[in-house]
N, C-alpha and C. Protein backbone atom coordinates (compact mmCIF):
# COMPACT_ATOMS: atom_id res chain seq x y z
N MET A 1 96.62 16.31 -38.41
CA MET A 1 95.32 15.56 -38.28
C MET A 1 94.41 16.64 -37.89
N SER A 2 93.23 16.55 -38.53
CA SER A 2 92.09 17.49 -38.28
C SER A 2 91.14 16.95 -37.11
N THR A 3 90.35 17.90 -36.73
CA THR A 3 89.37 17.51 -35.74
C THR A 3 88.41 16.46 -36.13
N ALA A 4 88.09 16.45 -37.41
CA ALA A 4 87.07 15.39 -37.92
C ALA A 4 87.81 14.18 -37.99
N SER A 5 89.00 13.99 -38.30
CA SER A 5 89.94 12.87 -38.34
C SER A 5 90.04 12.24 -37.00
N GLU A 6 90.07 13.07 -35.98
CA GLU A 6 90.21 12.65 -34.57
C GLU A 6 88.86 12.22 -33.97
N LEU A 7 87.73 12.90 -34.50
CA LEU A 7 86.51 12.52 -33.87
C LEU A 7 85.91 11.31 -34.51
N LEU A 8 86.24 10.98 -35.73
CA LEU A 8 85.66 9.80 -36.51
C LEU A 8 85.63 8.47 -35.82
N PRO A 9 86.94 8.26 -35.35
CA PRO A 9 87.07 6.91 -34.65
C PRO A 9 86.31 6.89 -33.36
N LEU A 10 85.94 7.95 -32.65
CA LEU A 10 85.20 7.90 -31.54
C LEU A 10 83.62 7.64 -31.85
N TYR A 11 83.18 8.14 -32.84
CA TYR A 11 81.81 7.85 -33.40
C TYR A 11 81.70 6.41 -33.97
N VAL A 12 82.75 6.05 -34.57
CA VAL A 12 82.66 4.47 -34.96
C VAL A 12 82.64 3.53 -33.83
N GLU A 13 83.43 3.87 -32.76
CA GLU A 13 83.46 3.13 -31.63
C GLU A 13 82.06 3.18 -30.82
N ALA A 14 81.58 4.39 -30.87
CA ALA A 14 80.24 4.57 -30.18
C ALA A 14 79.11 3.70 -30.77
N GLU A 15 79.19 3.68 -32.17
CA GLU A 15 78.34 2.98 -32.98
C GLU A 15 78.42 1.50 -32.60
N LYS A 16 79.60 1.00 -32.69
CA LYS A 16 79.92 -0.32 -32.34
C LYS A 16 79.37 -0.82 -31.02
N ARG A 17 79.63 0.03 -30.11
CA ARG A 17 79.07 -0.25 -28.76
C ARG A 17 77.61 -0.28 -28.45
N ILE A 18 77.08 0.68 -29.04
CA ILE A 18 75.60 0.87 -29.03
C ILE A 18 74.97 -0.36 -29.71
N LEU A 19 75.58 -0.76 -30.93
CA LEU A 19 74.90 -1.84 -31.54
C LEU A 19 75.08 -3.27 -30.72
N LYS A 20 76.14 -3.19 -29.87
CA LYS A 20 76.23 -4.37 -28.97
C LYS A 20 75.39 -4.14 -27.71
N GLY A 21 74.54 -3.21 -27.56
CA GLY A 21 73.61 -3.02 -26.41
C GLY A 21 74.35 -2.30 -25.25
N GLN A 22 75.52 -1.74 -25.55
CA GLN A 22 76.28 -0.88 -24.51
C GLN A 22 76.03 0.51 -24.62
N SER A 23 76.39 1.34 -23.71
CA SER A 23 76.35 2.70 -23.88
C SER A 23 77.80 3.12 -23.90
N TYR A 24 77.99 4.48 -24.45
CA TYR A 24 79.30 5.04 -24.70
C TYR A 24 79.36 6.39 -24.15
N GLU A 25 80.41 6.79 -23.65
CA GLU A 25 80.54 8.19 -23.06
C GLU A 25 81.79 8.93 -23.68
N PHE A 26 81.39 10.10 -24.15
CA PHE A 26 82.45 11.11 -24.41
C PHE A 26 81.82 12.37 -24.74
N GLY A 27 82.59 13.33 -24.63
CA GLY A 27 82.22 14.70 -24.52
C GLY A 27 81.22 15.10 -23.55
N GLY A 28 81.32 14.42 -22.31
CA GLY A 28 80.53 14.78 -21.25
C GLY A 28 79.06 14.32 -21.46
N ARG A 29 78.88 13.37 -22.39
CA ARG A 29 77.44 12.83 -22.63
C ARG A 29 77.55 11.29 -22.69
N THR A 30 76.54 10.66 -22.34
CA THR A 30 76.41 9.32 -22.31
C THR A 30 75.45 8.94 -23.59
N TRP A 31 75.86 8.12 -24.51
CA TRP A 31 75.17 7.82 -25.62
C TRP A 31 74.46 6.42 -25.49
N THR A 32 73.29 6.10 -25.82
CA THR A 32 72.73 4.82 -25.67
C THR A 32 72.04 4.55 -27.10
N GLY A 33 71.38 3.23 -27.04
CA GLY A 33 70.66 2.94 -28.19
C GLY A 33 69.75 3.96 -28.93
N ALA A 34 69.14 4.62 -27.95
CA ALA A 34 68.23 5.74 -28.47
C ALA A 34 68.96 6.70 -29.31
N ASP A 35 70.22 6.77 -29.18
CA ASP A 35 71.05 7.88 -29.93
C ASP A 35 71.57 7.35 -31.08
N LEU A 36 71.37 6.05 -31.52
CA LEU A 36 72.04 5.48 -32.55
C LEU A 36 71.99 6.34 -33.93
N ALA A 37 70.74 6.80 -34.11
CA ALA A 37 70.51 7.67 -35.46
C ALA A 37 71.39 8.79 -35.37
N ASP A 38 71.47 9.49 -34.25
CA ASP A 38 72.37 10.70 -34.22
C ASP A 38 73.82 10.28 -34.41
N ILE A 39 74.19 9.14 -33.72
CA ILE A 39 75.72 8.85 -33.93
C ILE A 39 75.94 8.50 -35.37
N ARG A 40 75.03 7.75 -36.10
CA ARG A 40 75.29 7.30 -37.44
C ARG A 40 75.31 8.69 -38.39
N LYS A 41 74.46 9.68 -38.04
CA LYS A 41 74.32 10.79 -38.86
C LYS A 41 75.64 11.67 -38.68
N GLU A 42 76.21 11.77 -37.47
CA GLU A 42 77.34 12.58 -37.36
C GLU A 42 78.58 11.78 -37.97
N ARG A 43 78.52 10.36 -37.77
CA ARG A 43 79.62 9.58 -38.36
C ARG A 43 79.69 9.81 -39.91
N GLU A 44 78.61 9.75 -40.47
CA GLU A 44 78.56 9.92 -41.97
C GLU A 44 79.08 11.32 -42.47
N ARG A 45 78.69 12.35 -41.59
CA ARG A 45 79.11 13.80 -41.82
C ARG A 45 80.59 13.73 -41.67
N LEU A 46 81.20 13.20 -40.62
CA LEU A 46 82.65 13.19 -40.42
C LEU A 46 83.26 12.42 -41.49
N GLU A 47 82.70 11.40 -41.94
CA GLU A 47 83.47 10.65 -42.97
C GLU A 47 83.52 11.47 -44.30
N ARG A 48 82.49 12.19 -44.60
CA ARG A 48 82.52 13.08 -45.87
C ARG A 48 83.49 14.14 -45.66
N ARG A 49 83.61 14.74 -44.36
CA ARG A 49 84.62 15.85 -44.12
C ARG A 49 86.00 15.37 -44.28
N VAL A 50 86.31 14.13 -43.64
CA VAL A 50 87.67 13.62 -43.71
C VAL A 50 87.95 13.33 -45.19
N PHE A 51 87.10 12.65 -45.97
CA PHE A 51 87.35 12.42 -47.29
C PHE A 51 87.70 13.78 -48.13
N ALA A 52 86.89 14.76 -47.87
CA ALA A 52 87.16 16.00 -48.54
C ALA A 52 88.47 16.62 -48.15
N GLU A 53 88.86 16.61 -46.92
CA GLU A 53 90.26 17.05 -46.38
C GLU A 53 91.20 16.23 -47.06
N GLU A 54 91.12 14.92 -47.11
CA GLU A 54 92.08 14.14 -47.78
C GLU A 54 92.33 14.42 -49.24
N GLN A 55 91.24 14.67 -50.01
CA GLN A 55 91.31 14.95 -51.36
C GLN A 55 91.99 16.33 -51.56
N ALA A 56 91.65 17.29 -50.64
CA ALA A 56 92.14 18.64 -50.80
C ALA A 56 93.78 18.58 -50.53
N ALA A 57 94.17 17.79 -49.60
CA ALA A 57 95.61 17.58 -49.33
C ALA A 57 96.33 16.96 -50.60
N LYS A 58 95.62 16.24 -51.33
CA LYS A 58 96.27 15.61 -52.46
C LYS A 58 96.16 16.54 -53.76
N GLY A 59 95.57 17.81 -53.62
CA GLY A 59 95.38 18.69 -54.67
C GLY A 59 94.23 18.37 -55.63
N ARG A 60 93.34 17.68 -55.03
CA ARG A 60 92.21 17.30 -55.93
C ARG A 60 90.90 18.07 -55.55
N ARG A 61 90.30 18.48 -56.51
CA ARG A 61 89.07 19.30 -56.11
C ARG A 61 87.91 18.31 -55.76
N THR A 62 87.23 18.90 -54.68
CA THR A 62 86.06 18.08 -54.30
C THR A 62 84.79 19.03 -54.48
N HIS A 63 83.67 18.38 -54.73
CA HIS A 63 82.47 19.25 -54.79
C HIS A 63 81.48 18.81 -53.76
N SER A 64 80.90 19.62 -53.22
CA SER A 64 79.75 19.32 -52.29
C SER A 64 78.43 19.25 -52.90
N LEU A 65 77.70 18.42 -52.35
CA LEU A 65 76.31 18.34 -52.79
C LEU A 65 75.42 18.98 -51.59
N ALA A 66 74.37 19.61 -51.99
CA ALA A 66 73.57 20.37 -51.10
C ALA A 66 72.61 19.28 -50.65
N THR A 67 72.33 19.32 -49.29
CA THR A 67 71.41 18.33 -48.82
C THR A 67 70.08 19.15 -48.47
N PHE A 68 68.93 18.90 -49.16
CA PHE A 68 67.69 19.63 -48.83
C PHE A 68 66.86 18.67 -48.04
N LYS A 69 66.16 19.26 -46.99
CA LYS A 69 65.35 18.54 -46.00
C LYS A 69 63.99 19.03 -46.24
């Protein structure tokens, strides 16, 4: 299991709690509703990473898309 696979459930749980109006603490930081955009952004990044790792484990090639800001 990769670090991304381990972190992803934490970010999903944090997002759920924040959406319910609660705060969530991990990594020595307390996350609140003001941090929801950051939580979602990191969750999406982790989902892409886990997907790529799963595809690589199956011997499938994955292609990355560049994100320009």
